Amino acid sequence: MVMLRTIFWVLVVAVLAAFTAANWQPVEVRIWEGLLLETRLPALVILAFLLGLVPTWLLYRATRWRLLRRIANLETQLSVKVAPSLTSTHLDAAQRDAGQTPEIKSETL
């Protein structure tokens, strides 16, 4: 799985590098009426990519962290829980369910 992730990121970087080499030209971005931003096209594309990636990645990490904490808490509660003690009534019922008859000891006087 780590290998696939590495291959994916290498491909993304290679595509961005090829895009950057082919499109290294200045562009003007009108932010407001009087505000004009002049930047290179690859910087604009990379910024747009990161604006989409970073919030989604942070949401994923926060959700994963919350769920892992919840699982750990539930596992702790499960390990702390003590098995119920078996009384003679429970033992008799368990033996009947298993097809065994409970041994009845009668003491003679």
N, C-alpha and C. Protein backbone atom coordinates (compact mmCIF):
# COMPACT_ATOMS: atom_id res chain seq x y z
N MET A 1 0.83 -1.19 0.00
CA MET A 1 0.00 0.00 0.00
C MET A 1 0.87 1.25 0.00
N VAL A 2 1.96 1.22 0.74
CA VAL A 2 2.86 2.37 0.79
C VAL A 2 3.48 2.59 -0.58
N MET A 3 3.77 1.50 -1.28
CA MET A 3 4.36 1.60 -2.61
C MET A 3 3.39 2.28 -3.59
N LEU A 4 2.10 1.93 -3.51
CA LEU A 4 1.12 2.56 -4.39
C LEU A 4 0.99 4.05 -4.09
N ARG A 5 1.00 4.40 -2.83
CA ARG A 5 0.91 5.81 -2.45
C ARG A 5 2.13 6.57 -2.96
N THR A 6 3.30 5.96 -2.86
CA THR A 6 4.53 6.60 -3.34
C THR A 6 4.48 6.78 -4.85
N ILE A 7 4.03 5.76 -5.56
CA ILE A 7 3.92 5.87 -7.02
C ILE A 7 2.94 6.97 -7.40
N PHE A 8 1.81 7.06 -6.69
CA PHE A 8 0.83 8.10 -6.97
C PHE A 8 1.44 9.49 -6.80
N TRP A 9 2.13 9.74 -5.69
CA TRP A 9 2.69 11.06 -5.44
C TRP A 9 3.83 11.38 -6.41
N VAL A 10 4.60 10.38 -6.79
CA VAL A 10 5.65 10.61 -7.80
C VAL A 10 5.02 11.01 -9.12
N LEU A 11 3.93 10.36 -9.50
CA LEU A 11 3.23 10.72 -10.74
C LEU A 11 2.65 12.14 -10.67
N VAL A 12 2.07 12.50 -9.52
CA VAL A 12 1.52 13.85 -9.36
C VAL A 12 2.63 14.89 -9.50
N VAL A 13 3.77 14.65 -8.85
CA VAL A 13 4.89 15.60 -8.93
C VAL A 13 5.43 15.67 -10.36
N ALA A 14 5.50 14.53 -11.04
CA ALA A 14 6.00 14.52 -12.42
C ALA A 14 5.07 15.30 -13.35
N VAL A 15 3.77 15.11 -13.19
CA VAL A 15 2.80 15.85 -14.01
C VAL A 15 2.89 17.35 -13.71
N LEU A 16 3.00 17.71 -12.44
CA LEU A 16 3.14 19.14 -12.10
C LEU A 16 4.44 19.73 -12.64
N ALA A 17 5.52 18.97 -12.61
CA ALA A 17 6.79 19.46 -13.15
C ALA A 17 6.69 19.66 -14.67
N ALA A 18 6.06 18.71 -15.36
CA ALA A 18 5.88 18.85 -16.81
C ALA A 18 4.98 20.03 -17.13
N PHE A 19 3.93 20.20 -16.35
CA PHE A 19 3.02 21.33 -16.55
C PHE A 19 3.73 22.65 -16.31
N THR A 20 4.55 22.69 -15.26
CA THR A 20 5.30 23.90 -14.93
C THR A 20 6.28 24.26 -16.06
N ALA A 21 6.98 23.28 -16.59
CA ALA A 21 7.95 23.53 -17.66
C ALA A 21 7.25 24.03 -18.93
N ALA A 22 6.09 23.51 -19.22
CA ALA A 22 5.39 23.89 -20.46
C ALA A 22 4.64 25.21 -20.34
N ASN A 23 4.30 25.64 -19.13
CA ASN A 23 3.43 26.82 -18.96
C ASN A 23 4.04 27.89 -18.06
N TRP A 24 5.33 28.11 -18.13
CA TRP A 24 5.96 29.12 -17.28
C TRP A 24 5.76 30.50 -17.90
N GLN A 25 4.58 31.03 -17.72
CA GLN A 25 4.27 32.35 -18.27
C GLN A 25 3.47 33.14 -17.24
N PRO A 26 3.60 34.44 -17.25
CA PRO A 26 2.86 35.24 -16.27
C PRO A 26 1.38 35.35 -16.65
N VAL A 27 0.56 35.34 -15.62
CA VAL A 27 -0.88 35.53 -15.81
C VAL A 27 -1.35 36.60 -14.82
N GLU A 28 -2.40 37.28 -15.20
CA GLU A 28 -2.98 38.29 -14.32
C GLU A 28 -4.31 37.78 -13.79
N VAL A 29 -4.49 37.88 -12.50
CA VAL A 29 -5.72 37.45 -11.85
C VAL A 29 -6.35 38.67 -11.21
N ARG A 30 -7.59 38.97 -11.63
CA ARG A 30 -8.31 40.11 -11.07
C ARG A 30 -9.05 39.63 -9.82
N ILE A 31 -8.61 40.10 -8.67
CA ILE A 31 -9.22 39.68 -7.40
C ILE A 31 -10.44 40.55 -7.12
N TRP A 32 -10.27 41.88 -7.15
CA TRP A 32 -11.36 42.83 -7.06
C TRP A 32 -11.20 43.82 -8.19
N GLU A 33 -12.04 44.82 -8.21
CA GLU A 33 -12.01 45.78 -9.30
C GLU A 33 -10.65 46.46 -9.46
N GLY A 34 -10.08 46.91 -8.39
CA GLY A 34 -8.82 47.62 -8.49
C GLY A 34 -7.60 46.79 -8.11
N LEU A 35 -7.82 45.53 -7.72
CA LEU A 35 -6.73 44.69 -7.24
C LEU A 35 -6.40 43.62 -8.28
N LEU A 36 -5.17 43.68 -8.78
CA LEU A 36 -4.73 42.77 -9.83
C LEU A 36 -3.50 42.02 -9.32
N LEU A 37 -3.50 40.70 -9.44
CA LEU A 37 -2.40 39.86 -8.99
C LEU A 37 -1.71 39.29 -10.21
N GLU A 38 -0.42 39.53 -10.31
CA GLU A 38 0.35 38.97 -11.42
C GLU A 38 1.23 37.85 -10.87
N THR A 39 1.05 36.66 -11.39
CA THR A 39 1.78 35.49 -10.91
C THR A 39 2.03 34.55 -12.08
N ARG A 40 2.77 33.51 -11.83
CA ARG A 40 3.01 32.49 -12.85
C ARG A 40 1.88 31.47 -12.80
N LEU A 41 1.55 30.90 -13.93
CA LEU A 41 0.45 29.95 -14.03
C LEU A 41 0.65 28.71 -13.16
N PRO A 42 1.84 28.10 -13.12
CA PRO A 42 2.00 26.92 -12.25
C PRO A 42 1.77 27.22 -10.76
N ALA A 43 2.16 28.40 -10.32
CA ALA A 43 1.92 28.77 -8.93
C ALA A 43 0.42 28.84 -8.65
N LEU A 44 -0.33 29.33 -9.59
CA LEU A 44 -1.77 29.42 -9.44
C LEU A 44 -2.41 28.04 -9.39
N VAL A 45 -1.95 27.13 -10.24
CA VAL A 45 -2.50 25.77 -10.27
C VAL A 45 -2.14 25.02 -8.99
N ILE A 46 -0.91 25.15 -8.55
CA ILE A 46 -0.48 24.46 -7.32
C ILE A 46 -1.24 25.01 -6.11
N LEU A 47 -1.45 26.32 -6.07
CA LEU A 47 -2.22 26.92 -4.98
C LEU A 47 -3.66 26.40 -4.97
N ALA A 48 -4.28 26.30 -6.14
CA ALA A 48 -5.65 25.77 -6.22
C ALA A 48 -5.69 24.31 -5.78
N PHE A 49 -4.68 23.53 -6.16
CA PHE A 49 -4.60 22.13 -5.75
C PHE A 49 -4.49 22.02 -4.23
N LEU A 50 -3.63 22.82 -3.64
CA LEU A 50 -3.45 22.77 -2.19
C LEU A 50 -4.68 23.28 -1.44
N LEU A 51 -5.39 24.26 -2.00
CA LEU A 51 -6.61 24.75 -1.36
C LEU A 51 -7.69 23.67 -1.32
N GLY A 52 -7.67 22.75 -2.26
CA GLY A 52 -8.61 21.64 -2.23
C GLY A 52 -8.12 20.48 -1.39
N LEU A 53 -6.80 20.25 -1.39
CA LEU A 53 -6.24 19.08 -0.71
C LEU A 53 -6.13 19.25 0.80
N VAL A 54 -5.63 20.36 1.25
CA VAL A 54 -5.31 20.53 2.67
C VAL A 54 -6.54 20.45 3.58
N PRO A 55 -7.65 21.17 3.30
CA PRO A 55 -8.81 21.02 4.20
C PRO A 55 -9.38 19.60 4.22
N THR A 56 -9.40 18.95 3.07
CA THR A 56 -9.91 17.58 3.01
C THR A 56 -9.00 16.64 3.80
N TRP A 57 -7.69 16.82 3.66
CA TRP A 57 -6.74 15.98 4.40
C TRP A 57 -6.85 16.21 5.90
N LEU A 58 -7.02 17.47 6.32
CA LEU A 58 -7.18 17.77 7.75
C LEU A 58 -8.46 17.15 8.30
N LEU A 59 -9.54 17.20 7.53
CA LEU A 59 -10.79 16.59 7.96
C LEU A 59 -10.63 15.08 8.10
N TYR A 60 -9.94 14.46 7.16
CA TYR A 60 -9.68 13.02 7.21
C TYR A 60 -8.87 12.66 8.46
N ARG A 61 -7.80 13.41 8.72
CA ARG A 61 -6.95 13.11 9.88
C ARG A 61 -7.71 13.30 11.19
N ALA A 62 -8.54 14.36 11.28
CA ALA A 62 -9.30 14.61 12.50
C ALA A 62 -10.33 13.50 12.73
N THR A 63 -11.00 13.07 11.68
CA THR A 63 -11.99 12.00 11.81
C THR A 63 -11.32 10.70 12.20
N ARG A 64 -10.19 10.40 11.58
CA ARG A 64 -9.45 9.17 11.90
C ARG A 64 -8.97 9.18 13.36
N TRP A 65 -8.46 10.32 13.82
CA TRP A 65 -8.00 10.46 15.20
C TRP A 65 -9.15 10.25 16.17
N ARG A 66 -10.32 10.85 15.87
CA ARG A 66 -11.48 10.74 16.75
C ARG A 66 -11.96 9.29 16.82
N LEU A 67 -12.01 8.61 15.67
CA LEU A 67 -12.47 7.23 15.66
C LEU A 67 -11.49 6.29 16.36
N LEU A 68 -10.19 6.52 16.19
CA LEU A 68 -9.20 5.69 16.89
C LEU A 68 -9.29 5.88 18.41
N ARG A 69 -9.53 7.09 18.84
CA ARG A 69 -9.72 7.32 20.28
C ARG A 69 -10.96 6.61 20.78
N ARG A 70 -12.02 6.65 19.98
CA ARG A 70 -13.27 6.00 20.37
C ARG A 70 -13.08 4.48 20.45
N ILE A 71 -12.38 3.91 19.49
CA ILE A 71 -12.11 2.47 19.50
C ILE A 71 -11.28 2.09 20.72
N ALA A 72 -10.25 2.88 21.02
CA ALA A 72 -9.41 2.60 22.19
C ALA A 72 -10.24 2.68 23.48
N ASN A 73 -11.13 3.64 23.56
CA ASN A 73 -11.98 3.79 24.74
C ASN A 73 -12.91 2.58 24.88
N LEU A 74 -13.50 2.14 23.77
CA LEU A 74 -14.39 0.99 23.83
C LEU A 74 -13.63 -0.29 24.18
N GLU A 75 -12.42 -0.45 23.66
CA GLU A 75 -11.61 -1.61 24.01
C GLU A 75 -11.24 -1.61 25.48
N THR A 76 -10.94 -0.44 26.02
CA THR A 76 -10.63 -0.32 27.44
C THR A 76 -11.84 -0.70 28.29
N GLN A 77 -13.00 -0.20 27.91
CA GLN A 77 -14.21 -0.53 28.65
C GLN A 77 -14.51 -2.03 28.58
N LEU A 78 -14.24 -2.64 27.43
CA LEU A 78 -14.49 -4.06 27.28
C LEU A 78 -13.54 -4.90 28.12
N SER A 79 -12.30 -4.49 28.22
CA SER A 79 -11.33 -5.26 29.01
C SER A 79 -11.56 -5.09 30.51
N VAL A 80 -12.13 -3.98 30.91
CA VAL A 80 -12.39 -3.74 32.33
C VAL A 80 -13.61 -4.51 32.79
N LYS A 81 -14.53 -4.74 31.89
CA LYS A 81 -15.76 -5.41 32.24
C LYS A 81 -15.45 -6.82 32.75
N VAL A 82 -15.99 -7.16 33.89
CA VAL A 82 -15.72 -8.45 34.52
C VAL A 82 -16.82 -9.43 34.11
N ALA A 83 -16.43 -10.67 33.87
CA ALA A 83 -17.41 -11.70 33.51
C ALA A 83 -18.33 -11.94 34.70
N PRO A 84 -19.60 -12.17 34.43
CA PRO A 84 -20.52 -12.40 35.55
C PRO A 84 -20.18 -13.72 36.24
N SER A 85 -20.38 -13.71 37.55
CA SER A 85 -20.09 -14.93 38.31
C SER A 85 -21.20 -15.95 38.06
N LEU A 86 -20.80 -17.20 38.02
CA LEU A 86 -21.76 -18.27 37.79
C LEU A 86 -22.22 -18.83 39.13
N THR A 87 -23.50 -18.75 39.34
CA THR A 87 -24.07 -19.34 40.56
C THR A 87 -24.51 -20.76 40.23
N SER A 88 -24.95 -21.46 41.21
CA SER A 88 -25.37 -22.84 40.98
C SER A 88 -26.56 -22.89 40.02
N THR A 89 -27.41 -21.91 40.06
CA THR A 89 -28.55 -21.87 39.14
C THR A 89 -28.07 -21.73 37.71
N HIS A 90 -27.09 -20.87 37.49
CA HIS A 90 -26.53 -20.70 36.15
C HIS A 90 -25.82 -21.96 35.68
N LEU A 91 -25.11 -22.63 36.59
CA LEU A 91 -24.42 -23.87 36.23
C LEU A 91 -25.41 -24.95 35.83
N ASP A 92 -26.52 -25.07 36.59
CA ASP A 92 -27.54 -26.06 36.25
C ASP A 92 -28.14 -25.77 34.88
N ALA A 93 -28.42 -24.52 34.60
CA ALA A 93 -29.00 -24.16 33.30
C ALA A 93 -28.00 -24.41 32.18
N ALA A 94 -26.72 -24.15 32.41
CA ALA A 94 -25.71 -24.38 31.39
C ALA A 94 -25.56 -25.87 31.11
N GLN A 95 -25.63 -26.70 32.14
CA GLN A 95 -25.52 -28.14 31.95
C GLN A 95 -26.73 -28.69 31.20
N ARG A 96 -27.92 -28.18 31.50
CA ARG A 96 -29.12 -28.61 30.78
C ARG A 96 -29.04 -28.23 29.32
N ASP A 97 -28.53 -27.02 29.03
CA ASP A 97 -28.39 -26.58 27.64
C ASP A 97 -27.37 -27.43 26.91
N ALA A 98 -26.38 -27.93 27.61
CA ALA A 98 -25.35 -28.75 26.99
C ALA A 98 -25.78 -30.21 26.87
N GLY A 99 -26.94 -30.54 27.40
CA GLY A 99 -27.42 -31.92 27.30
C GLY A 99 -27.02 -32.77 28.47
N GLN A 100 -26.46 -32.17 29.48
CA GLN A 100 -26.05 -32.91 30.66
C GLN A 100 -27.09 -32.70 31.75
N THR A 101 -27.23 -33.67 32.56
CA THR A 101 -28.16 -33.51 33.70
C THR A 101 -27.34 -33.14 34.91
N PRO A 102 -27.83 -32.23 35.69
CA PRO A 102 -27.08 -31.84 36.89
C PRO A 102 -27.09 -32.97 37.89
N GLU A 103 -25.97 -33.14 38.51
CA GLU A 103 -25.86 -34.18 39.53
C GLU A 103 -26.50 -33.68 40.82
N ILE A 104 -27.39 -34.48 41.31
CA ILE A 104 -28.07 -34.12 42.55
C ILE A 104 -27.54 -35.06 43.63
N LYS A 105 -26.95 -34.48 44.61
CA LYS A 105 -26.42 -35.28 45.70
C LYS A 105 -27.44 -35.26 46.84
N SER A 106 -27.84 -36.39 47.18
CA SER A 106 -28.76 -36.48 48.32
C SER A 106 -28.00 -37.12 49.49
N GLU A 107 -28.05 -36.47 50.54
CA GLU A 107 -27.36 -36.98 51.72
C GLU A 107 -28.34 -37.81 52.53
N THR A 108 -27.88 -38.92 52.92
CA THR A 108 -28.73 -39.77 53.76
C THR A 108 -28.41 -39.52 55.20
N LEU A 109 -29.42 -39.53 56.00
CA LEU A 109 -29.24 -39.30 57.43
C LEU A 109 -29.13 -40.55 58.17
